[in-house]
């Protein structure tokens, strides 16, 4: 393999190569560090790089693989880029904000703790918009993060740096968080895989562990890699009362027979989940994905959920009342340091009240009254992840976007993700469907019944290629690498 091939090697394949002594964790890291030196100036996915410390960790992993006792950990020697909101003890956590530019964490976040225990090599921090507040990744502190496929456009947000790094080949695995689509949007727009687990599946720290919209999760280039990382993340943590005691272990889709075929599955789908508009290229690529599943023996059923503009209004009301008031406190404390979009959300949050918050819960109940019976009758549900990928890298939430001649707002107008933060117990796997008209990837969301994580991974494995076969539009294949 060339160094570039190493940069895009799947985590599962890298672990096999490590065990068979065909590849060293040091070689993998060195290839990705060289790649970062080559491309970071174009995409700006990293906020901090820990090259020397990571090399020491990689050498330690290499030594473990050379021992005769054969004891290696689940992620031994794999590079992981950690979103710059997840604490790493002794390292700064900026949340993309000038207000925290010198903030050094005193303890590990539960996710970081589990990465370290599993033997991961944490080599970089990935960019996020200030306080993960918006669907693009730019901030006054770290500048603009760009989409590796077409730098005119955003990699989405808020886990934009993580997804951009995966697409560019500068990490093997990455972390993200999702309170309104912040894992799934970047996955879609960078052509990678992202998972929003059901609420409580992965641990979080207070107070965010008590916010049912909020989820920590993995971003990877392949479904098996996503399962691998999710297995490390999941399970009860003593610091999180909301974390589920059940430790779910997902099979890795590359292993023959890990997941049964989906022949006979009944799959519901919709092109619209309340926004009213979706770009032609998004729809076209989703149809191709549906046809792939139909070819595997699935039975397709188009459904009308009956959702409208009230869904987005309710999502805003919920987030404004909780997350938004946290932004209000920060803006009041440091008005000269925060980004304009942070002020935008803070000002909107000042208008929130208890009635709007309670109304949002009523809407969530109404949504599940239509979705719940349907998903219990079906094996899965599929819809687009975003309505358009033609979104400029420096977009702000008050800007307008144009989808096939229709004007939509750049805040929630192009998101098709927040409904599943509202229905937070549903597992959602975001997978790619090809390239859109702007040369930016497109994707779909695979949704299953509450806490039925296994089912979305089974469907994702089938779509990617049963038993590890690749399809031509999947990120990580030679044909699907950005031309950086």
Protein backbone atom coordinates (compact mmCIF):
# COMPACT_ATOMS: atom_id res chain seq x y z
CA UNK A 1 0.00 0.00 0.00
CA UNK A 2 1.04 3.58 -0.62
CA UNK A 3 1.10 6.08 2.24
CA UNK A 4 -2.18 7.46 0.90
CA UNK A 5 -3.71 3.99 1.04
CA UNK A 6 -2.63 3.78 4.68
CA UNK A 7 -4.36 7.09 5.38
CA UNK A 8 -7.67 5.63 4.17
CA UNK A 9 -7.23 2.13 5.60
CA UNK A 10 -10.25 1.00 7.59
CA UNK A 11 -9.83 0.57 11.33
CA UNK A 12 -10.83 -3.09 11.14
CA UNK A 13 -8.28 -3.78 8.40
CA UNK A 14 -5.58 -1.82 10.24
CA UNK A 15 -6.10 -3.91 13.38
CA UNK A 16 -5.72 -7.09 11.33
CA UNK A 17 -2.54 -5.75 9.73
CA UNK A 18 -1.15 -4.82 13.16
CA UNK A 19 -1.82 -8.29 14.54
CA UNK A 20 -0.22 -9.96 11.52
CA UNK A 21 2.81 -7.64 11.75
CA UNK A 22 2.21 -6.33 8.22
CA UNK A 23 1.80 -2.78 9.51
CA UNK A 24 2.94 -0.84 12.54
CA UNK A 25 0.83 1.76 14.37
CA UNK A 26 3.85 4.05 13.95
CA UNK A 27 3.70 3.72 10.15
CA UNK A 28 -0.02 4.45 10.13
CA UNK A 29 0.38 7.54 12.30
CA UNK A 30 3.35 8.83 10.32
CA UNK A 31 1.40 8.53 7.06
CA UNK A 32 -1.52 10.48 8.51
CA UNK A 33 0.71 13.16 10.03
CA UNK A 34 2.35 13.62 6.63
CA UNK A 35 -1.08 13.80 5.04
CA UNK A 36 -2.16 16.43 7.57
CA UNK A 37 0.89 18.52 6.77
CA UNK A 38 -0.12 18.31 3.12
CA UNK A 39 -3.84 19.13 3.41
CA UNK A 40 -4.51 20.98 6.67
CA UNK A 41 -3.79 24.35 5.07
CA UNK A 42 -6.68 23.68 2.69
CA UNK A 43 -9.32 22.29 5.07
CA UNK A 44 -8.39 23.39 8.63
CA UNK A 45 -9.91 20.34 10.35
CA UNK A 46 -7.57 20.34 13.38
CA UNK A 47 -7.37 22.83 16.23
CA UNK A 48 -4.47 21.10 18.03
CA UNK A 49 -2.02 18.39 16.98
CA UNK A 50 -0.20 16.14 19.46
CA UNK A 51 2.36 14.63 17.08
CA UNK A 52 5.18 13.78 19.48
CA UNK A 53 2.93 12.39 22.21
CA UNK A 54 1.00 10.40 19.63
CA UNK A 55 4.21 8.93 18.23
CA UNK A 56 5.16 7.79 21.73
CA UNK A 57 1.72 6.17 22.11
CA UNK A 58 2.08 4.51 18.70
CA UNK A 59 5.47 3.08 19.65
CA UNK A 60 3.97 1.69 22.84
CA UNK A 61 1.18 0.08 20.80
CA UNK A 62 3.75 -1.34 18.38
CA UNK A 63 5.58 -2.93 21.31
CA UNK A 64 2.33 -4.51 22.56
CA UNK A 65 1.77 -6.13 19.16
CA UNK A 66 5.30 -7.55 19.22
CA UNK A 67 4.84 -9.24 22.60
CA UNK A 68 4.25 -12.96 22.60
CA UNK A 69 1.38 -12.83 25.10
CA UNK A 70 -0.89 -11.44 22.37
CA UNK A 71 -2.68 -9.04 24.72
CA UNK A 72 -3.81 -5.97 22.81
CA UNK A 73 -6.76 -3.70 23.49
CA UNK A 74 -9.79 -3.03 21.29
CA UNK A 75 -8.41 0.11 19.57
CA UNK A 76 -4.72 -0.62 20.06
CA UNK A 77 -2.67 1.74 17.90
CA UNK A 78 -5.57 3.28 15.95
CA UNK A 79 -5.56 7.05 15.48
CA UNK A 80 -8.57 8.92 16.86
CA UNK A 81 -9.24 12.63 16.39
CA UNK A 82 -11.27 14.06 19.28
CA UNK A 83 -13.77 16.90 18.85
CA UNK A 84 -12.66 20.08 20.58
CA UNK A 85 -15.46 20.01 23.14
CA UNK A 86 -14.61 16.64 24.71
CA UNK A 87 -12.20 17.00 27.61
CA UNK A 88 -8.76 15.41 27.53
CA UNK A 89 -7.00 15.80 30.88
CA UNK A 90 -4.08 18.20 30.60
CA UNK A 91 -5.12 19.46 27.14
CA UNK A 92 -7.04 22.55 26.27
CA UNK A 93 -10.73 22.32 25.40
CA UNK A 94 -11.73 25.48 23.57
CA UNK A 95 -15.20 24.67 22.24
CA UNK A 96 -14.14 26.89 19.35
CA UNK A 97 -14.40 29.99 21.54
CA UNK A 98 -12.07 32.83 22.40
CA UNK A 99 -13.63 32.70 25.87
CA UNK A 100 -11.96 29.29 26.38
CA UNK A 101 -8.81 29.62 24.29
CA UNK A 102 -6.60 28.83 27.30
CA UNK A 103 -8.96 26.43 29.05
CA UNK A 104 -7.12 23.25 30.11
CA UNK A 105 -9.19 20.25 31.15
CA UNK A 106 -8.46 18.75 34.56
CA UNK A 107 -10.12 15.39 33.88
CA UNK A 108 -11.04 13.12 31.00
CA UNK A 109 -14.53 13.04 29.57
CA UNK A 110 -15.98 9.48 29.84
CA UNK A 111 -15.58 9.11 26.06
CA UNK A 112 -11.90 10.10 26.22
CA UNK A 113 -11.41 7.84 29.22
CA UNK A 114 -12.73 4.89 27.22
CA UNK A 115 -10.59 5.72 24.17
CA UNK A 116 -7.44 5.77 26.30
CA UNK A 117 -8.36 2.54 28.08
CA UNK A 118 -8.96 0.88 24.67
CA UNK A 119 -5.47 1.81 23.45
CA UNK A 120 -6.37 4.55 20.97
CA UNK A 121 -3.72 7.02 19.79
CA UNK A 122 -5.25 10.49 20.24
CA UNK A 123 -3.24 12.59 17.82
CA UNK A 124 -5.46 15.61 17.14
CA UNK A 125 -8.33 17.85 18.17
CA UNK A 126 -11.00 18.61 15.57
CA UNK A 127 -12.69 21.91 14.85
CA UNK A 128 -16.19 22.83 15.91
CA UNK A 129 -18.20 26.05 15.66
CA UNK A 130 -18.27 28.04 18.87
CA UNK A 131 -20.02 25.92 21.51
CA UNK A 132 -21.20 23.58 18.74
CA UNK A 133 -23.98 26.08 18.15
CA UNK A 134 -24.49 25.98 14.38
CA UNK A 135 -24.54 23.80 11.27
CA UNK A 136 -21.27 25.10 9.81
CA UNK A 137 -17.76 24.94 11.23
CA UNK A 138 -16.11 28.35 11.56
CA UNK A 139 -15.17 30.46 14.55
CA UNK A 140 -13.21 33.57 15.47
CA UNK A 141 -10.71 31.40 17.34
CA UNK A 142 -9.95 28.70 14.76
CA UNK A 143 -11.07 30.15 11.43
CA UNK A 144 -13.00 28.34 8.71
CA UNK A 145 -13.08 24.56 8.28
CA UNK A 146 -13.75 23.57 4.68
CA UNK A 147 -15.17 20.53 2.96
CA UNK A 148 -12.35 18.35 1.54
CA UNK A 149 -14.49 17.50 -1.49
CA UNK A 150 -15.05 21.13 -2.46
CA UNK A 151 -13.54 23.83 -0.20
CA UNK A 152 -16.15 26.39 -1.24
CA UNK A 153 -18.64 24.48 0.88
CA UNK A 154 -18.96 23.62 4.56
CA UNK A 155 -18.36 20.14 5.98
CA UNK A 156 -21.47 20.97 8.08
CA UNK A 157 -21.32 21.20 11.85
CA UNK A 158 -20.86 20.94 14.58
CA UNK A 159 -18.58 17.91 14.27
CA UNK A 160 -17.29 19.31 10.99
CA UNK A 161 -13.60 18.98 11.80
CA UNK A 162 -13.99 15.29 12.65
CA UNK A 163 -15.80 14.45 9.41
CA UNK A 164 -13.44 16.59 7.31
CA UNK A 165 -10.43 14.85 8.85
CA UNK A 166 -11.85 11.42 8.01
CA UNK A 167 -12.63 12.45 4.44
CA UNK A 168 -9.14 13.92 4.02
CA UNK A 169 -7.40 10.82 5.40
CA UNK A 170 -5.78 12.46 8.42
CA UNK A 171 -7.32 10.11 11.01
CA UNK A 172 -8.70 6.58 11.15
CA UNK A 173 -11.49 7.28 13.65
CA UNK A 174 -13.10 10.40 15.12
CA UNK A 175 -15.51 11.50 17.82
CA UNK A 176 -18.55 13.71 17.56
CA UNK A 177 -21.59 14.92 19.44
CA UNK A 178 -25.14 15.44 18.21
CA UNK A 179 -27.75 17.74 19.73
CA UNK A 180 -29.46 18.71 16.47
CA UNK A 181 -27.66 16.66 13.83
CA UNK A 182 -24.04 17.52 14.59
CA UNK A 183 -22.76 14.00 13.83
CA UNK A 184 -25.08 13.09 10.97
CA UNK A 185 -24.81 16.33 8.96
CA UNK A 186 -21.01 16.26 8.79
CA UNK A 187 -21.13 12.54 7.96
CA UNK A 188 -23.46 13.21 5.03
CA UNK A 189 -21.55 16.19 3.65
CA UNK A 190 -18.14 14.55 3.95
CA UNK A 191 -19.16 11.12 2.67
CA UNK A 192 -18.48 9.22 5.90
CA UNK A 193 -20.49 7.25 8.47
CA UNK A 194 -21.87 8.79 11.66
CA UNK A 195 -23.99 7.38 14.45
CA UNK A 196 -26.45 9.08 16.77
CA UNK A 197 -27.08 6.39 19.38
CA UNK A 198 -30.28 6.26 21.43
CA UNK A 199 -30.35 8.55 24.44
CA UNK A 200 -28.37 7.04 27.31
CA UNK A 201 -26.46 4.51 25.22
CA UNK A 202 -23.19 6.47 25.51
CA UNK A 203 -22.16 8.42 28.61
CA UNK A 204 -22.12 12.21 28.82
CA UNK A 205 -21.28 14.65 31.60
CA UNK A 206 -23.81 16.80 33.45
CA UNK A 207 -25.75 18.83 32.73
CA UNK A 208 -25.84 17.65 29.12
CA UNK A 209 -26.43 14.03 30.09
CA UNK A 210 -29.86 15.15 31.29
CA UNK A 211 -30.72 16.77 27.94
CA UNK A 212 -32.50 14.09 25.91
CA UNK A 213 -31.49 15.78 22.63
CA UNK A 214 -27.78 15.32 23.41
CA UNK A 215 -25.72 12.32 22.24
CA UNK A 216 -22.01 11.45 22.02
CA UNK A 217 -21.11 9.18 19.12
CA UNK A 218 -18.61 7.94 16.53
CA UNK A 219 -17.64 9.12 13.05
CA UNK A 220 -15.79 6.74 10.74
CA UNK A 221 -15.35 5.86 7.08
CA UNK A 222 -17.03 2.43 7.25
CA UNK A 223 -19.93 0.77 9.06
CA UNK A 224 -17.71 -1.86 10.73
CA UNK A 225 -15.41 0.88 12.03
CA UNK A 226 -18.44 2.72 13.38
CA UNK A 227 -19.56 -0.42 15.22
CA UNK A 228 -16.04 -0.91 16.56
CA UNK A 229 -15.88 2.60 18.02
CA UNK A 230 -19.47 2.54 19.26
CA UNK A 231 -18.73 -0.67 21.16
CA UNK A 232 -15.95 1.15 23.02
CA UNK A 233 -18.20 4.12 23.83
CA UNK A 234 -21.34 2.35 25.01
CA UNK A 235 -22.32 1.25 28.49
CA UNK A 236 -23.02 2.64 31.92
CA UNK A 237 -20.64 5.17 33.45
CA UNK A 238 -20.67 6.03 37.17
CA UNK A 239 -20.67 9.78 36.41
CA UNK A 240 -23.79 9.61 34.25
CA UNK A 241 -27.07 8.64 35.91
CA UNK A 242 -28.79 8.59 32.50
CA UNK A 243 -26.36 6.09 30.95
CA UNK A 244 -27.89 2.69 30.29
CA UNK A 245 -26.57 -0.20 32.33
CA UNK A 246 -26.81 -2.50 29.32
CA UNK A 247 -23.53 -2.80 27.39
CA UNK A 248 -24.53 -3.45 23.79
CA UNK A 249 -21.88 -5.04 21.55
CA UNK A 250 -22.47 -4.66 17.82
CA UNK A 251 -21.07 -7.19 15.34
CA UNK A 252 -18.50 -5.88 12.84
CA UNK A 253 -20.02 -5.96 9.38
CA UNK A 254 -16.82 -7.08 7.65
CA UNK A 255 -17.00 -10.51 9.28
CA UNK A 256 -18.87 -13.07 7.19
CA UNK A 257 -22.25 -13.84 8.68
CA UNK A 258 -22.15 -11.03 11.25
CA UNK A 259 -25.48 -9.68 10.08
CA UNK A 260 -28.19 -11.66 8.31
CA UNK A 261 -29.31 -10.52 4.87
CA UNK A 262 -32.15 -8.00 4.72
CA UNK A 263 -34.19 -10.00 2.21
CA UNK A 264 -37.85 -9.62 3.13
CA UNK A 265 -37.36 -6.46 5.17
CA UNK A 266 -40.11 -3.85 4.98
CA UNK A 267 -38.44 -0.43 4.72
CA UNK A 268 -40.36 2.83 4.93
CA UNK A 269 -38.97 5.97 3.35
CA UNK A 270 -39.78 9.65 2.87
CA UNK A 271 -38.03 12.44 1.03
CA UNK A 272 -39.51 15.10 3.32
CA UNK A 273 -39.63 15.02 7.13
CA UNK A 274 -41.28 18.39 7.62
CA UNK A 275 -39.08 20.88 5.81
CA UNK A 276 -41.00 20.79 2.54
CA UNK A 277 -38.02 20.89 0.17
CA UNK A 278 -35.12 18.65 -0.87
CA UNK A 279 -32.57 19.21 -3.65
CA UNK A 280 -32.75 17.07 -6.76
CA UNK A 281 -29.30 15.52 -6.33
CA UNK A 282 -30.10 14.50 -2.73
CA UNK A 283 -33.28 12.81 -3.90
CA UNK A 284 -31.63 11.19 -6.92
CA UNK A 285 -28.86 9.60 -4.84
CA UNK A 286 -31.34 8.42 -2.23
CA UNK A 287 -33.37 6.71 -4.95
CA UNK A 288 -30.21 4.87 -6.02
CA UNK A 289 -29.69 3.71 -2.43
CA UNK A 290 -33.30 2.55 -2.21
CA UNK A 291 -32.92 0.63 -5.47
CA UNK A 292 -29.82 -1.04 -4.03
CA UNK A 293 -31.84 -2.22 -1.03
CA UNK A 294 -34.68 -3.37 -3.26
CA UNK A 295 -32.12 -5.40 -5.20
CA UNK A 296 -31.15 -7.07 -1.92
CA UNK A 297 -34.74 -8.21 -1.45
CA UNK A 298 -36.16 -5.41 0.68
CA UNK A 299 -39.74 -4.23 0.21
CA UNK A 300 -40.05 -0.43 0.00
CA UNK A 301 -42.97 1.67 1.26
CA UNK A 302 -43.16 5.45 0.84
CA UNK A 303 -44.85 7.05 3.84
CA UNK A 304 -46.21 10.47 4.76
CA UNK A 305 -45.42 11.24 8.39
CA UNK A 306 -47.68 14.27 8.47
CA UNK A 307 -44.95 16.42 9.98
CA UNK A 308 -44.77 20.11 9.11
CA UNK A 309 -43.20 23.39 10.19
CA UNK A 310 -44.33 22.80 13.78
CA UNK A 311 -41.51 20.23 14.15
CA UNK A 312 -38.76 22.78 13.56
CA UNK A 313 -40.55 25.39 15.70
CA UNK A 314 -40.68 22.88 18.56
CA UNK A 315 -37.02 21.88 18.16
CA UNK A 316 -36.00 25.54 18.37
CA UNK A 317 -38.19 26.11 21.42
CA UNK A 318 -36.68 23.14 23.25
CA UNK A 319 -33.06 24.04 22.42
CA UNK A 320 -33.57 27.75 23.06
CA UNK A 321 -34.95 27.05 26.51
CA UNK A 322 -32.05 24.80 27.63
CA UNK A 323 -28.93 25.01 25.47
CA UNK A 324 -29.77 28.55 24.39
CA UNK A 325 -29.87 29.95 27.92
CA UNK A 326 -26.37 28.64 28.48
CA UNK A 327 -25.34 30.75 25.47
CA UNK A 328 -27.14 33.75 26.96
CA UNK A 329 -25.01 33.49 30.10
CA UNK A 330 -21.79 33.31 28.06
CA UNK A 331 -22.76 36.25 25.83
CA UNK A 332 -23.67 38.38 28.83
CA UNK A 333 -20.36 37.55 30.47
CA UNK A 334 -18.10 38.02 27.40
CA UNK A 335 -20.00 39.93 24.69
CA UNK A 336 -16.84 41.11 22.88
CA UNK A 337 -15.37 37.63 22.53
CA UNK A 338 -18.20 35.49 21.18
CA UNK A 339 -19.09 34.88 17.53
CA UNK A 340 -21.98 36.69 15.88
CA UNK A 341 -23.92 33.44 15.43
CA UNK A 342 -23.59 32.74 19.16
CA UNK A 343 -25.16 36.14 19.83
CA UNK A 344 -27.86 35.32 17.26
CA UNK A 345 -28.89 32.17 19.12
CA UNK A 346 -28.61 33.88 22.50
CA UNK A 347 -30.91 36.70 21.40
CA UNK A 348 -33.46 34.22 20.12
CA UNK A 349 -33.23 32.28 23.37
CA UNK A 350 -34.10 35.40 25.36
CA UNK A 351 -37.58 35.07 23.84
CA UNK A 352 -38.10 31.52 25.06
CA UNK A 353 -40.47 30.77 27.90
CA UNK A 354 -41.90 27.81 29.79
CA UNK A 355 -45.03 27.66 27.65
CA UNK A 356 -43.01 27.27 24.44
CA UNK A 357 -40.87 24.62 26.09
CA UNK A 358 -43.90 22.61 27.24
CA UNK A 359 -45.47 23.01 23.77
CA UNK A 360 -42.31 21.51 22.27
CA UNK A 361 -42.80 18.38 24.38
CA UNK A 362 -46.39 18.13 23.17
CA UNK A 363 -45.19 18.28 19.54
CA UNK A 364 -42.64 15.54 20.24
CA UNK A 365 -45.47 13.38 21.57
CA UNK A 366 -47.55 14.11 18.46
CA UNK A 367 -44.60 13.19 16.23
CA UNK A 368 -44.21 9.79 17.82
CA UNK A 369 -47.95 9.10 17.58
CA UNK A 370 -47.45 9.00 13.81
CA UNK A 371 -43.91 7.62 13.69
CA UNK A 372 -44.14 5.00 16.46
CA UNK A 373 -46.85 2.72 15.02
CA UNK A 374 -45.22 2.96 11.57
CA UNK A 375 -41.71 2.00 12.72
CA UNK A 376 -43.11 -0.91 14.78
CA UNK A 377 -44.66 -2.29 11.58
CA UNK A 378 -41.55 -1.69 9.47
CA UNK A 379 -37.97 -2.93 9.83
CA UNK A 380 -36.46 0.53 9.25
CA UNK A 381 -37.07 4.04 7.97
CA UNK A 382 -34.90 6.02 5.53
CA UNK A 383 -34.83 9.74 4.73
CA UNK A 384 -32.26 12.31 3.57
CA UNK A 385 -29.83 13.76 6.09
CA UNK A 386 -29.81 17.31 4.74
CA UNK A 387 -31.96 19.03 2.14
CA UNK A 388 -28.98 20.46 0.23
CA UNK A 389 -25.19 20.30 0.26
CA UNK A 390 -24.71 23.62 -1.57
CA UNK A 391 -23.94 25.44 1.67
CA UNK A 392 -21.01 27.92 1.77
CA UNK A 393 -18.20 27.27 4.24
CA UNK A 394 -18.75 30.61 6.01
CA UNK A 395 -22.55 30.46 6.11
CA UNK A 396 -24.38 32.00 9.06
CA UNK A 397 -27.81 30.97 10.39
CA UNK A 398 -29.46 34.22 9.24
CA UNK A 399 -28.37 33.68 5.62
CA UNK A 400 -30.61 32.30 2.88
CA UNK A 401 -29.99 29.17 0.82
CA UNK A 402 -31.56 28.24 -2.49
CA UNK A 403 -32.84 24.75 -3.22
CA UNK A 404 -34.04 24.30 -6.80
CA UNK A 405 -35.32 27.89 -6.84
CA UNK A 406 -36.86 27.80 -3.35
CA UNK A 407 -35.45 30.05 -0.64
CA UNK A 408 -34.81 28.38 2.72
CA UNK A 409 -33.05 29.66 5.81
CA UNK A 410 -29.53 28.50 6.65
CA UNK A 411 -30.48 27.72 10.22
CA UNK A 412 -32.83 24.72 10.41
CA UNK A 413 -34.15 25.11 6.87
CA UNK A 414 -31.75 22.55 5.39
CA UNK A 415 -31.60 20.17 8.37
CA UNK A 416 -33.56 16.93 8.24
CA UNK A 417 -31.86 15.67 11.38
CA UNK A 418 -33.36 17.45 14.40
CA UNK A 419 -36.61 15.40 14.31
CA UNK A 420 -34.56 12.42 15.48
CA UNK A 421 -33.00 14.35 18.35
CA UNK A 422 -36.56 15.06 19.34
CA UNK A 423 -37.35 11.33 19.05
CA UNK A 424 -34.14 10.74 20.91
CA UNK A 425 -34.52 7.06 21.78
CA UNK A 426 -34.39 6.09 18.10
CA UNK A 427 -30.97 4.94 16.79
CA UNK A 428 -29.92 6.76 13.61
CA UNK A 429 -27.01 5.78 11.37
CA UNK A 430 -25.98 8.30 8.69
CA UNK A 431 -24.40 6.73 5.61
CA UNK A 432 -23.25 8.14 2.24
CA UNK A 433 -25.14 7.76 -1.04
CA UNK A 434 -22.72 9.27 -3.58
CA UNK A 435 -21.69 12.69 -4.85
CA UNK A 436 -24.03 15.59 -5.47
CA UNK A 437 -24.04 18.25 -8.17
CA UNK A 438 -21.42 20.38 -6.39
CA UNK A 439 -19.04 17.45 -5.97
CA UNK A 440 -20.02 17.28 -2.29
CA UNK A 441 -21.24 13.94 -0.90
CA UNK A 442 -24.86 13.23 -0.07
CA UNK A 443 -26.30 10.84 2.50
CA UNK A 444 -29.30 9.25 4.15
CA UNK A 445 -30.37 8.50 7.69
CA UNK A 446 -31.21 4.92 8.64
CA UNK A 447 -33.67 4.87 11.56
CA UNK A 448 -34.97 1.92 13.61
CA UNK A 449 -37.21 1.26 16.60
CA UNK A 450 -36.29 2.68 19.98
CA UNK A 451 -33.02 1.20 21.30
CA UNK A 452 -32.77 -1.25 18.37
CA UNK A 453 -29.20 -0.21 17.47
CA UNK A 454 -28.43 -3.54 15.85
CA UNK A 455 -31.00 -3.02 13.14
CA UNK A 456 -29.56 0.20 11.71
CA UNK A 457 -26.10 -1.35 11.62
CA UNK A 458 -27.49 -4.40 9.84
CA UNK A 459 -29.10 -2.13 7.26
CA UNK A 460 -25.95 0.00 6.96
CA UNK A 461 -23.83 -3.10 6.45
CA UNK A 462 -26.18 -4.26 3.71
CA UNK A 463 -26.08 -0.90 1.96
CA UNK A 464 -22.32 -0.65 2.18
CA UNK A 465 -21.96 -4.15 0.81
CA UNK A 466 -22.95 -7.38 2.57
CA UNK A 467 -20.00 -9.15 4.23
CA UNK A 468 -17.63 -6.32 3.46
CA UNK A 469 -18.06 -5.92 -0.31
CA UNK A 470 -17.61 -2.27 -1.29
CA UNK A 471 -19.96 -0.31 -3.48
CA UNK A 472 -18.55 2.32 -5.78
CA UNK A 473 -20.02 5.36 -4.04
CA UNK A 474 -18.68 4.61 -0.55
CA UNK A 475 -16.10 6.88 1.05
CA UNK A 476 -12.70 5.28 1.54
CA UNK A 477 -12.64 3.47 -1.77
CA UNK A 478 -9.98 4.62 -4.21
CA UNK A 479 -12.65 6.23 -6.40
CA UNK A 480 -14.14 8.12 -3.47
CA UNK A 481 -11.25 10.16 -2.12
CA UNK A 482 -11.24 13.95 -2.32
CA UNK A 483 -8.83 15.33 -4.91
CA UNK A 484 -6.97 17.49 -2.43
